[in-house]
Structure formats: structure tokens, C-alpha cells
Amino acid sequence: MKFENKLGKTMYISPTERMKVIHLWMGNTALDEKTYYEYFEQEEKISHFGRNIGLDEEYDEDMIGILPIFEKPVTVQEVLQKKVPIDISSISAAIKAAGQAGINTVNAVFYITDSSITVKEPHQADYNGLSYIGAFKSAL
């Protein structure tokens, strides 16, 4: 992926460097799976998700993780330790951020591992019924 630095020069970020940051969304959704996944579809246009985070182009689908909706809510700690590629040193900060957002159990989680993305207005958009928890160190 390319981006412009502060001087307006185009720079390249290798996939390895991009994957060092994980942006994380968590919460509880009442949507069915089909409707939930439609939020991420970008076949003919930028997805609703892409527009919500302020992208002008499609996101790299290799960088996103969309966990299937859980039948029963699980704790934030359990999901972070077992299902999300977050660095172990960032788990407590993510749990704290989720708690501050009033989230202790979840039935849905998605993330994107891309340091080149800046989530614009992270607390203003409805991210498929989930909340943006923050950007953390990735385990990838």
C-alpha cells in the first residue's frame, strides 16, 4: 500500500510493517449473519465499513478478520486471548478500552491489521452495531 507522508511524497509500507497494528471493533449485534457480512462487501463499490473508517478506496481483504457471530456472548478477555491476533502486551489495554466503552461480553468481533489506516471519527459511526475499541500492537 502507498500513502503520502507529511511532505506529500508517496511512500510504500510493506505488508509486514502494515500488519504491526490491529484496529479492533467489538460488541453485540442482533443482525443475522448475511446482513452482518453485507457491511463488508466491496465488490462493486467501497463497502459501508470502508466508508465508515474514511477510506477512499477498497481495503485490503487480506488484512481484515471478521469472526463469525458467536451463538452466545463470550468475555472480551476470552476473545482477545483465543481469537484475535493481538500482541499479549496489548490485551490488558484492549480489555480496559472495551470496559470503558461498556463492553464486557461480545458476540461479534472484527479487526483490520493495517497501520496505514487511520480510523476517522472512530466513535461517531455505527460499525455494524459494534464499537471501535482502538489500535493496538498486533501479534502478526
C-alpha atoms as a PDB file:
ATOM      1  CA  MET A   1       0.000   0.000   0.000  1.00  0.00           C
ATOM      2  CA  LYS A   2       1.140   3.515  -0.719  1.00  0.00           C
ATOM      3  CA  PHE A   3       0.466   6.639   1.286  1.00  0.00           C
ATOM      4  CA  GLU A   4       1.641  10.230   1.298  1.00  0.00           C
ATOM      5  CA  ASN A   5       3.925  11.464   4.023  1.00  0.00           C
ATOM      6  CA  LYS A   6       3.643  14.931   5.586  1.00  0.00           C
ATOM      7  CA  LEU A   7       5.605  16.393   2.675  1.00  0.00           C
ATOM      8  CA  GLY A   8       3.188  14.941   0.123  1.00  0.00           C
ATOM      9  CA  LYS A   9       5.659  12.333  -1.135  1.00  0.00           C
ATOM     10  CA  THR A  10       4.310   8.877  -1.913  1.00  0.00           C
ATOM     11  CA  MET A  11       5.745   6.231   0.383  1.00  0.00           C
ATOM     12  CA  TYR A  12       5.460   2.432   0.404  1.00  0.00           C
ATOM     13  CA  ILE A  13       4.647   0.405   3.505  1.00  0.00           C
ATOM     14  CA  SER A  14       5.464  -3.283   3.278  1.00  0.00           C
ATOM     15  CA  PRO A  15       2.734  -5.750   4.283  1.00  0.00           C
ATOM     16  CA  THR A  16       4.893  -6.829   7.233  1.00  0.00           C
ATOM     17  CA  GLU A  17       5.056  -3.262   8.542  1.00  0.00           C
ATOM     18  CA  ARG A  18       1.351  -2.679   7.908  1.00  0.00           C
ATOM     19  CA  MET A  19       0.410  -5.737   9.972  1.00  0.00           C
ATOM     20  CA  LYS A  20       2.108  -4.432  13.132  1.00  0.00           C
ATOM     21  CA  VAL A  21      -1.074  -2.590  14.178  1.00  0.00           C
ATOM     22  CA  ILE A  22      -4.506  -4.084  14.754  1.00  0.00           C
ATOM     23  CA  HIS A  23      -7.641  -1.917  14.745  1.00  0.00           C
ATOM     24  CA  LEU A  24     -10.332  -3.642  16.782  1.00  0.00           C
ATOM     25  CA  TRP A  25     -14.146  -3.456  16.846  1.00  0.00           C
ATOM     26  CA  MET A  26     -16.240  -5.408  19.367  1.00  0.00           C
ATOM     27  CA  GLY A  27     -19.783  -5.610  20.607  1.00  0.00           C
ATOM     28  CA  ASN A  28     -23.090  -7.382  20.430  1.00  0.00           C
ATOM     29  CA  THR A  29     -25.110  -7.429  17.263  1.00  0.00           C
ATOM     30  CA  ALA A  30     -28.662  -8.590  16.699  1.00  0.00           C
ATOM     31  CA  LEU A  31     -28.066  -8.809  12.926  1.00  0.00           C
ATOM     32  CA  ASP A  32     -28.269 -12.112  11.115  1.00  0.00           C
ATOM     33  CA  GLU A  33     -25.005 -13.371   9.537  1.00  0.00           C
ATOM     34  CA  LYS A  34     -25.977 -12.404   5.973  1.00  0.00           C
ATOM     35  CA  THR A  35     -26.804  -8.811   6.894  1.00  0.00           C
ATOM     36  CA  TYR A  36     -23.740  -8.620   9.139  1.00  0.00           C
ATOM     37  CA  TYR A  37     -21.375  -9.666   6.313  1.00  0.00           C
ATOM     38  CA  GLU A  38     -23.002  -7.348   3.747  1.00  0.00           C
ATOM     39  CA  TYR A  39     -21.473  -4.456   5.702  1.00  0.00           C
ATOM     40  CA  PHE A  40     -18.010  -5.551   4.471  1.00  0.00           C
ATOM     41  CA  GLU A  41     -18.872  -6.302   0.815  1.00  0.00           C
ATOM     42  CA  GLN A  42     -16.886  -4.220  -1.643  1.00  0.00           C
ATOM     43  CA  GLU A  43     -17.475  -5.956  -4.959  1.00  0.00           C
ATOM     44  CA  GLU A  44     -18.950  -3.004  -6.871  1.00  0.00           C
ATOM     45  CA  LYS A  45     -18.100  -0.079  -4.612  1.00  0.00           C
ATOM     46  CA  ILE A  46     -16.397   0.814  -1.369  1.00  0.00           C
ATOM     47  CA  SER A  47     -18.043  -1.123   1.438  1.00  0.00           C
ATOM     48  CA  HIS A  48     -20.083   0.543   4.135  1.00  0.00           C
ATOM     49  CA  PHE A  49     -17.253  -0.398   6.505  1.00  0.00           C
ATOM     50  CA  GLY A  50     -14.690   1.310   4.248  1.00  0.00           C
ATOM     51  CA  ARG A  51     -16.764   4.477   4.116  1.00  0.00           C
ATOM     52  CA  ASN A  52     -17.214   4.434   7.910  1.00  0.00           C
ATOM     53  CA  ILE A  53     -13.464   4.371   8.535  1.00  0.00           C
ATOM     54  CA  GLY A  54     -12.868   7.102   5.959  1.00  0.00           C
ATOM     55  CA  LEU A  55     -11.344   5.158   3.063  1.00  0.00           C
ATOM     56  CA  ASP A  56     -11.451   6.474  -0.489  1.00  0.00           C
ATOM     57  CA  GLU A  57     -10.694   3.049  -1.940  1.00  0.00           C
ATOM     58  CA  GLU A  58     -11.252  -0.596  -1.087  1.00  0.00           C
ATOM     59  CA  TYR A  59      -9.486  -2.035   1.930  1.00  0.00           C
ATOM     60  CA  ASP A  60      -7.140  -4.991   1.509  1.00  0.00           C
ATOM     61  CA  GLU A  61      -9.272  -8.049   2.257  1.00  0.00           C
ATOM     62  CA  ASP A  62      -6.157  -9.965   3.333  1.00  0.00           C
ATOM     63  CA  MET A  63      -5.814  -7.577   6.272  1.00  0.00           C
ATOM     64  CA  ILE A  64      -9.298  -7.960   7.771  1.00  0.00           C
ATOM     65  CA  GLY A  65     -10.579 -10.571  10.172  1.00  0.00           C
ATOM     66  CA  ILE A  66     -14.321 -10.983  10.589  1.00  0.00           C
ATOM     67  CA  LEU A  67     -15.124 -13.544  13.252  1.00  0.00           C
ATOM     68  CA  PRO A  68     -18.366 -15.471  12.829  1.00  0.00           C
ATOM     69  CA  ILE A  69     -21.108 -14.279  15.164  1.00  0.00           C
ATOM     70  CA  PHE A  70     -20.937 -16.294  18.396  1.00  0.00           C
ATOM     71  CA  GLU A  71     -24.050 -18.227  19.421  1.00  0.00           C
ATOM     72  CA  LYS A  72     -23.627 -16.981  22.997  1.00  0.00           C
ATOM     73  CA  PRO A  73     -21.693 -13.917  24.165  1.00  0.00           C
ATOM     74  CA  VAL A  74     -18.145 -14.531  25.394  1.00  0.00           C
ATOM     75  CA  THR A  75     -15.916 -12.359  27.544  1.00  0.00           C
ATOM     76  CA  VAL A  76     -13.702  -9.757  25.928  1.00  0.00           C
ATOM     77  CA  GLN A  77     -10.684 -11.392  27.574  1.00  0.00           C
ATOM     78  CA  GLU A  78     -11.515 -14.812  26.118  1.00  0.00           C
ATOM     79  CA  VAL A  79     -11.947 -13.451  22.601  1.00  0.00           C
ATOM     80  CA  LEU A  80      -8.701 -11.481  22.764  1.00  0.00           C
ATOM     81  CA  GLN A  81      -6.697 -14.397  24.106  1.00  0.00           C
ATOM     82  CA  LYS A  82      -8.068 -17.034  21.732  1.00  0.00           C
ATOM     83  CA  LYS A  83      -9.487 -15.455  18.565  1.00  0.00           C
ATOM     84  CA  VAL A  84      -7.773 -12.139  17.786  1.00  0.00           C
ATOM     85  CA  PRO A  85      -4.139 -11.670  16.680  1.00  0.00           C
ATOM     86  CA  ILE A  86      -3.382  -9.022  19.280  1.00  0.00           C
ATOM     87  CA  ASP A  87       0.001  -8.924  20.975  1.00  0.00           C
ATOM     88  CA  ILE A  88      -0.141 -10.272  24.517  1.00  0.00           C
ATOM     89  CA  SER A  89       1.301  -6.975  25.788  1.00  0.00           C
ATOM     90  CA  SER A  90      -1.766  -5.135  24.419  1.00  0.00           C
ATOM     91  CA  ILE A  91      -4.505  -7.380  25.797  1.00  0.00           C
ATOM     92  CA  SER A  92      -4.969  -5.552  29.110  1.00  0.00           C
ATOM     93  CA  ALA A  93      -5.174  -2.167  27.330  1.00  0.00           C
ATOM     94  CA  ALA A  94      -7.784  -3.565  24.928  1.00  0.00           C
ATOM     95  CA  ILE A  95      -9.814  -5.043  27.804  1.00  0.00           C
ATOM     96  CA  LYS A  96      -9.682  -1.674  29.574  1.00  0.00           C
ATOM     97  CA  ALA A  97     -10.742   0.201  26.405  1.00  0.00           C
ATOM     98  CA  ALA A  98     -13.635  -2.207  25.875  1.00  0.00           C
ATOM     99  CA  GLY A  99     -14.712  -1.792  29.502  1.00  0.00           C
ATOM    100  CA  GLN A 100     -14.646   1.992  29.133  1.00  0.00           C
ATOM    101  CA  ALA A 101     -16.997   1.550  26.160  1.00  0.00           C
ATOM    102  CA  GLY A 102     -19.289  -0.559  28.370  1.00  0.00           C
ATOM    103  CA  ILE A 103     -18.340  -3.796  26.637  1.00  0.00           C
ATOM    104  CA  ASN A 104     -17.566  -6.830  28.818  1.00  0.00           C
ATOM    105  CA  THR A 105     -19.042  -9.618  26.703  1.00  0.00           C
ATOM    106  CA  VAL A 106     -19.366  -9.803  22.915  1.00  0.00           C
ATOM    107  CA  ASN A 107     -20.995 -11.880  20.227  1.00  0.00           C
ATOM    108  CA  ALA A 108     -19.214 -10.194  17.313  1.00  0.00           C
ATOM    109  CA  VAL A 109     -15.680  -9.008  16.620  1.00  0.00           C
ATOM    110  CA  PHE A 110     -13.824  -7.786  13.584  1.00  0.00           C
ATOM    111  CA  TYR A 111     -10.406  -6.264  13.088  1.00  0.00           C
ATOM    112  CA  ILE A 112      -8.114  -4.944  10.423  1.00  0.00           C
ATOM    113  CA  THR A 113      -4.347  -5.235  10.685  1.00  0.00           C
ATOM    114  CA  ASP A 114      -3.186  -2.198   8.785  1.00  0.00           C
ATOM    115  CA  SER A 115      -1.005   0.531  10.261  1.00  0.00           C
ATOM    116  CA  SER A 116      -1.605   2.713   7.200  1.00  0.00           C
ATOM    117  CA  ILE A 117      -5.253   3.187   8.185  1.00  0.00           C
ATOM    118  CA  THR A 118      -6.408   5.981  10.425  1.00  0.00           C
ATOM    119  CA  VAL A 119      -9.970   5.480  11.604  1.00  0.00           C
ATOM    120  CA  LYS A 120     -11.697   8.808  11.045  1.00  0.00           C
ATOM    121  CA  GLU A 121     -14.269   9.756  13.690  1.00  0.00           C
ATOM    122  CA  PRO A 122     -13.951   6.374  15.422  1.00  0.00           C
ATOM    123  CA  HIS A 123     -16.770   6.974  17.895  1.00  0.00           C
ATOM    124  CA  GLN A 124     -19.193   8.675  15.521  1.00  0.00           C
ATOM    125  CA  ALA A 125     -20.056   5.842  13.132  1.00  0.00           C
ATOM    126  CA  ASP A 126     -22.190   2.741  13.623  1.00  0.00           C
ATOM    127  CA  TYR A 127     -19.776  -0.061  12.780  1.00  0.00           C
ATOM    128  CA  ASN A 128     -22.395  -2.728  12.105  1.00  0.00           C
ATOM    129  CA  GLY A 129     -23.563  -2.297  15.694  1.00  0.00           C
ATOM    130  CA  LEU A 130     -20.053  -2.696  17.127  1.00  0.00           C
ATOM    131  CA  SER A 131     -17.785  -0.152  18.785  1.00  0.00           C
ATOM    132  CA  TYR A 132     -14.287   0.828  17.752  1.00  0.00           C
ATOM    133  CA  ILE A 133     -12.070  -0.185  20.673  1.00  0.00           C
ATOM    134  CA  GLY A 134      -8.796   1.228  19.345  1.00  0.00           C
ATOM    135  CA  ALA A 135      -5.500   0.454  17.658  1.00  0.00           C
ATOM    136  CA  PHE A 136      -3.121  -1.944  19.386  1.00  0.00           C
ATOM    137  CA  LYS A 137       0.091  -3.857  18.743  1.00  0.00           C
ATOM    138  CA  SER A 138      -0.567  -6.867  16.528  1.00  0.00           C
ATOM    139  CA  ALA A 139       0.731 -10.371  17.180  1.00  0.00           C
ATOM    140  CA  LEU A 140       1.398 -10.865  13.464  1.00  0.00           C
END
